[in-house]
Amino acid sequence: MKVLVFWDIYGRIWRSALKKEIWALREKYNPDFVLVNIDNISSGRGAIEKHIREMEQLDVSLMMWGDHILDNLPKITDYLNSEESKVIRPANFLEQDYYPIAGKWFKIIEKNGKRLLVIHLLGSVFMNHVWVENPYIKIDKILKEIDEDSYDAIVLDFHKEASSEWYAMAHFLEKTPAFVFGTHTHVQTNDELIFPSWVGVIWDVGMTGPLYSVIWADFHSVRKRMLTGIQKGKIEQSLDKNYVVNGIFVEFWDDKKCVNLEKFRIRNSL
């Protein structure tokens, strides 16, 4: 089984960047499934339905979210609850009665007889603006509830802030063959690894966004914050048309083992 993973498609220009690059990557890797994290896809905020539909037109298999799940949620609740939804939300997002969260926690997607289980979790360290259940307990419960014969491989998108929490998750799942990748910090890391137990890991896949930016932001809009420490004023996204498309190619054997990881970083302009 072959899987392409892209993270954090950041706003209008970088949706266009993905559209420009994805077909050549499809031709190169011939993936069975394409996964995309859309936490910042709508001008740096959570997705609206129009932009989800744009990803569907690129034949994306499934989309994951993150800590911006509440940004535009009321506008897309009907889509998330529909049978056609290609979006899953963090499984451990702590719901309140006054703000129930729509959508599925995880999903098994199928194509050409291959079945991929995709799970999405939020980290709990330094993510103080969202309330979550313990991610380790939650993933353990999910895996115990799902029949192992119902899927052929596992992918986990762990949307987190702290490297320690992610590495702990990688080791927590060390005996469960899977691919565990991190998102949220926007920067592709150089630590991809396959454990002896056939668990593939990388701390962050990296964003699809503006190349010359402060992890997507225009430098001049954050300069004052950096110099003074005062967290005021609107942060503007960089609109420079030089972009970077980050992602990773993953291969599994039929016995769920992750056997190959190949990350890519494409620099280009619109």
Protein backbone atom coordinates (compact mmCIF):
# COMPACT_ATOMS: atom_id res chain seq x y z
CA MET A 1 0.00 0.00 0.00
CA LYS A 2 1.26 3.48 -0.94
CA VAL A 3 0.21 6.74 0.79
CA LEU A 4 1.02 10.40 0.11
CA VAL A 5 0.69 12.81 3.04
CA PHE A 6 0.57 16.63 2.83
CA TRP A 7 0.29 18.90 5.79
CA ASP A 8 -1.21 22.31 6.45
CA ILE A 9 -2.36 23.72 3.14
CA TYR A 10 -2.20 27.37 4.17
CA GLY A 11 -4.71 29.64 2.48
CA ARG A 12 -5.56 30.59 -1.11
CA ILE A 13 -2.11 30.89 -2.69
CA TRP A 14 -0.94 27.59 -1.26
CA ARG A 15 -4.08 25.76 -2.27
CA SER A 16 -2.99 26.79 -5.75
CA ALA A 17 0.54 25.55 -5.02
CA LEU A 18 -0.78 22.10 -4.12
CA LYS A 19 -2.89 22.02 -7.28
CA LYS A 20 0.23 22.83 -9.30
CA GLU A 21 2.43 20.12 -7.76
CA ILE A 22 0.14 17.26 -6.79
CA TRP A 23 -0.29 15.65 -10.21
CA ALA A 24 3.45 15.22 -10.81
CA LEU A 25 3.78 13.72 -7.33
CA ARG A 26 0.90 11.36 -8.06
CA GLU A 27 2.61 10.26 -11.26
CA LYS A 28 5.93 9.73 -9.45
CA TYR A 29 4.63 7.78 -6.46
CA ASN A 30 1.36 6.26 -7.77
CA PRO A 31 -0.30 6.37 -4.32
CA ASP A 32 -3.35 4.38 -3.32
CA PHE A 33 -4.38 7.13 -0.90
CA VAL A 34 -3.67 10.87 -0.49
CA LEU A 35 -4.07 12.45 2.96
CA VAL A 36 -4.14 16.20 3.60
CA ASN A 37 -4.24 18.21 6.82
CA ILE A 38 -6.53 21.26 6.34
CA ASP A 39 -6.19 22.99 9.71
CA ASN A 40 -5.24 26.34 8.12
CA ILE A 41 -6.66 25.97 4.63
CA SER A 42 -9.13 28.90 4.76
CA SER A 43 -6.95 32.03 5.17
CA GLY A 44 -5.09 30.44 8.07
CA ARG A 45 -8.24 29.26 9.81
CA GLY A 46 -10.31 26.09 9.92
CA ALA A 47 -11.82 24.92 6.66
CA ILE A 48 -14.97 26.16 4.96
CA GLU A 49 -16.88 23.78 2.70
CA LYS A 50 -15.80 25.50 -0.53
CA HIS A 51 -12.15 24.75 0.22
CA ILE A 52 -12.90 21.19 1.29
CA ARG A 53 -14.55 20.72 -2.11
CA GLU A 54 -11.40 22.05 -3.81
CA MET A 55 -9.42 19.26 -2.14
CA GLU A 56 -12.01 16.70 -3.23
CA GLN A 57 -11.48 17.82 -6.83
CA LEU A 58 -7.81 16.83 -6.39
CA ASP A 59 -9.01 13.31 -5.53
CA VAL A 60 -7.86 13.61 -1.91
CA SER A 61 -8.83 10.45 -0.01
CA LEU A 62 -9.24 12.00 3.45
CA MET A 63 -8.62 15.29 5.24
CA MET A 64 -7.60 15.86 8.86
CA TRP A 65 -8.04 18.91 11.07
CA GLY A 66 -6.28 20.20 14.18
CA ASP A 67 -6.64 22.89 16.84
CA HIS A 68 -8.52 25.26 14.50
CA ILE A 69 -11.48 22.91 14.45
CA LEU A 70 -13.87 25.49 15.94
CA ASP A 71 -13.06 28.39 13.59
CA ASN A 72 -15.74 27.79 10.93
CA LEU A 73 -17.44 24.76 12.43
CA PRO A 74 -21.10 25.92 12.37
CA LYS A 75 -20.85 26.55 8.61
CA ILE A 76 -19.79 23.00 7.76
CA THR A 77 -21.57 20.88 10.39
CA ASP A 78 -23.99 19.46 7.81
CA TYR A 79 -21.11 18.43 5.55
CA LEU A 80 -19.19 16.80 8.41
CA ASN A 81 -22.23 14.76 9.41
CA SER A 82 -22.98 13.67 5.86
CA GLU A 83 -22.14 10.25 4.45
CA GLU A 84 -19.99 11.88 1.76
CA SER A 85 -17.71 13.67 4.26
CA LYS A 86 -13.98 13.22 3.63
CA VAL A 87 -12.94 15.00 6.82
CA ILE A 88 -12.18 13.50 10.23
CA ARG A 89 -11.79 15.51 13.41
CA PRO A 90 -9.42 14.95 16.34
CA ALA A 91 -10.62 11.87 18.22
CA ASN A 92 -9.75 13.27 21.64
CA PHE A 93 -11.29 16.74 21.29
CA LEU A 94 -13.23 17.22 24.53
CA GLU A 95 -16.78 18.13 23.61
CA GLN A 96 -19.04 20.30 25.74
CA ASP A 97 -22.82 20.02 25.71
CA TYR A 98 -23.16 23.57 24.44
CA TYR A 99 -20.77 23.04 21.52
CA PRO A 100 -20.99 19.48 20.19
CA ILE A 101 -18.45 18.69 17.48
CA ALA A 102 -19.66 17.08 14.29
CA GLY A 103 -17.90 14.45 12.23
CA LYS A 104 -16.11 11.14 12.68
CA TRP A 105 -13.16 10.46 14.98
CA PHE A 106 -11.43 8.07 12.61
CA LYS A 107 -12.17 6.34 9.34
CA ILE A 108 -11.24 3.26 7.35
CA ILE A 109 -10.89 4.27 3.71
CA GLU A 110 -10.86 1.68 0.93
CA LYS A 111 -9.56 1.54 -2.63
CA ASN A 112 -8.71 -1.37 -4.91
CA GLY A 113 -9.13 -3.85 -2.07
CA LYS A 114 -6.77 -1.92 0.23
CA ARG A 115 -8.06 -0.61 3.57
CA LEU A 116 -6.35 2.21 5.48
CA LEU A 117 -7.30 3.16 9.04
CA VAL A 118 -6.70 6.89 9.61
CA ILE A 119 -6.82 8.35 13.14
CA HIS A 120 -6.38 11.97 14.17
CA LEU A 121 -5.37 13.19 17.66
CA LEU A 122 -4.58 16.51 19.35
CA GLY A 123 -1.68 16.89 21.73
CA SER A 124 -2.26 18.06 25.29
CA VAL A 125 1.04 19.86 26.07
CA PHE A 126 1.13 23.64 25.41
CA MET A 127 -2.17 23.41 23.49
CA ASN A 128 -3.99 25.46 26.11
CA HIS A 129 -6.65 26.94 23.80
CA VAL A 130 -8.31 23.55 23.23
CA TRP A 131 -9.47 20.95 25.76
CA VAL A 132 -8.57 17.35 25.00
CA GLU A 133 -8.72 13.90 26.50
CA ASN A 134 -5.46 12.12 27.22
CA PRO A 135 -4.22 11.19 23.71
CA TYR A 136 -2.49 7.97 24.83
CA ILE A 137 -5.56 6.61 26.58
CA LYS A 138 -7.74 7.63 23.63
CA ILE A 139 -5.63 5.92 20.97
CA ASP A 140 -5.43 2.80 23.12
CA LYS A 141 -9.24 2.70 23.41
CA ILE A 142 -9.72 3.22 19.66
CA LEU A 143 -7.34 0.44 18.68
CA LYS A 144 -8.98 -1.96 21.13
CA GLU A 145 -12.43 -1.18 19.69
CA ILE A 146 -11.52 -1.81 16.05
CA ASP A 147 -11.17 -5.31 14.65
CA GLU A 148 -7.61 -5.73 13.35
CA ASP A 149 -8.94 -7.71 10.39
CA SER A 150 -10.94 -4.68 9.19
CA TYR A 151 -7.88 -2.72 7.98
CA ASP A 152 -4.52 -3.33 6.31
CA ALA A 153 -2.49 -0.40 7.69
CA ILE A 154 -2.71 2.47 10.21
CA VAL A 155 -1.86 6.14 9.85
CA LEU A 156 -2.00 8.54 12.81
CA ASP A 157 -1.92 12.34 12.43
CA PHE A 158 -0.81 13.66 15.84
CA HIS A 159 -1.37 17.43 15.89
CA LYS A 160 0.88 18.63 18.72
CA GLU A 161 3.17 21.33 20.04
CA ALA A 162 5.79 19.53 22.14
CA SER A 163 8.39 17.19 20.68
CA SER A 164 8.48 15.20 23.93
CA GLU A 165 4.77 14.36 23.68
CA TRP A 166 5.09 13.24 20.07
CA TYR A 167 8.12 11.03 20.71
CA ALA A 168 6.31 9.52 23.67
CA MET A 169 3.40 8.71 21.34
CA ALA A 170 5.76 7.13 18.80
CA HIS A 171 7.14 4.83 21.51
CA PHE A 172 3.69 4.22 22.99
CA LEU A 173 2.66 2.74 19.64
CA GLU A 174 6.00 1.05 19.01
CA LYS A 175 4.47 -2.44 19.06
CA THR A 176 1.61 -1.46 16.74
CA PRO A 177 2.83 -1.38 13.12
CA ALA A 178 1.73 1.98 11.74
CA PHE A 179 2.88 5.32 10.37
CA VAL A 180 2.77 8.05 13.02
CA PHE A 181 3.37 11.60 11.81
CA GLY A 182 3.29 14.96 13.52
CA THR A 183 1.67 18.18 12.35
CA HIS A 184 1.18 21.74 13.70
CA THR A 185 4.70 23.22 13.90
CA HIS A 186 4.83 23.95 10.13
CA VAL A 187 8.50 22.94 9.70
CA GLN A 188 9.53 19.67 8.08
CA THR A 189 11.90 17.72 10.34
CA ASN A 190 14.83 15.48 9.49
CA ASP A 191 14.05 12.64 11.88
CA GLU A 192 12.04 10.14 9.83
CA LEU A 193 12.65 6.65 11.19
CA ILE A 194 11.28 3.12 11.01
CA PHE A 195 11.44 1.25 14.30
CA PRO A 196 12.50 -2.43 14.37
CA SER A 197 8.81 -3.16 15.04
CA TRP A 198 7.90 -1.59 11.65
CA VAL A 199 6.45 1.66 13.02
CA GLY A 200 7.32 4.60 10.77
CA VAL A 201 7.59 8.06 12.36
CA ILE A 202 8.40 11.68 11.57
CA TRP A 203 7.96 14.56 14.02
CA ASP A 204 6.56 17.02 11.48
CA VAL A 205 5.71 16.61 7.81
CA GLY A 206 5.94 20.38 7.21
CA MET A 207 3.52 22.87 5.69
CA THR A 208 2.45 23.81 2.18
CA GLY A 209 2.77 27.57 2.42
CA PRO A 210 4.83 30.71 1.79
CA LEU A 211 8.56 30.03 1.53
CA TYR A 212 9.62 33.46 2.80
CA SER A 213 7.59 33.79 5.98
CA VAL A 214 7.54 33.22 9.73
CA ILE A 215 5.95 29.76 9.48
CA TRP A 216 3.30 31.39 7.19
CA ALA A 217 3.12 34.94 8.65
CA ASP A 218 4.40 38.15 7.09
CA PHE A 219 7.46 39.15 9.10
CA HIS A 220 6.46 42.80 9.44
CA SER A 221 3.15 41.83 11.06
CA VAL A 222 4.94 39.88 13.82
CA ARG A 223 8.01 42.11 14.16
CA LYS A 224 6.51 44.27 16.91
CA ARG A 225 5.52 41.23 18.94
CA MET A 226 9.03 39.85 18.67
CA LEU A 227 10.63 43.11 19.76
CA THR A 228 8.27 43.96 22.62
CA GLY A 229 6.69 40.70 23.77
CA ILE A 230 3.28 42.37 23.59
CA GLN A 231 0.83 40.01 21.92
CA LYS A 232 -1.38 42.58 20.20
CA GLY A 233 -2.22 43.45 16.62
CA LYS A 234 -3.33 41.25 13.76
CA ILE A 235 -0.88 38.77 12.30
CA GLU A 236 -1.03 38.90 8.50
CA GLN A 237 -0.20 35.94 6.31
CA SER A 238 2.65 36.31 3.86
CA LEU A 239 1.33 36.63 0.31
CA ASP A 240 4.67 36.11 -1.42
CA LYS A 241 4.08 33.71 -4.29
CA ASN A 242 7.24 31.74 -3.64
CA TYR A 243 6.04 28.56 -1.97
CA VAL A 244 7.15 25.32 -0.41
CA VAL A 245 5.18 22.05 -0.68
CA ASN A 246 6.19 19.58 2.02
CA GLY A 247 5.03 16.01 2.32
CA ILE A 248 5.99 12.38 2.76
CA PHE A 249 5.54 9.17 0.81
CA VAL A 250 4.82 6.03 2.85
CA GLU A 251 4.75 2.36 1.89
CA PHE A 252 3.26 -0.56 3.82
CA TRP A 253 3.53 -4.28 3.34
CA ASP A 254 0.36 -6.34 3.43
CA ASP A 255 0.98 -7.32 7.08
CA LYS A 256 0.58 -3.69 8.23
CA LYS A 257 4.35 -3.08 8.42
CA CYS A 258 5.65 0.36 7.44
CA VAL A 259 8.65 -0.37 5.21
CA ASN A 260 9.56 2.89 3.46
CA LEU A 261 9.46 6.63 4.17
CA GLU A 262 10.49 9.29 1.66
CA LYS A 263 9.90 12.93 2.48
CA PHE A 264 9.90 15.65 -0.17
CA ARG A 265 10.24 19.44 -0.15
CA ILE A 266 9.38 21.29 -3.34
CA ARG A 267 10.25 24.97 -3.76
CA ASN A 268 8.61 26.86 -6.62
CA SER A 269 6.52 29.94 -7.36
CA LEU A 270 3.15 30.79 -8.86
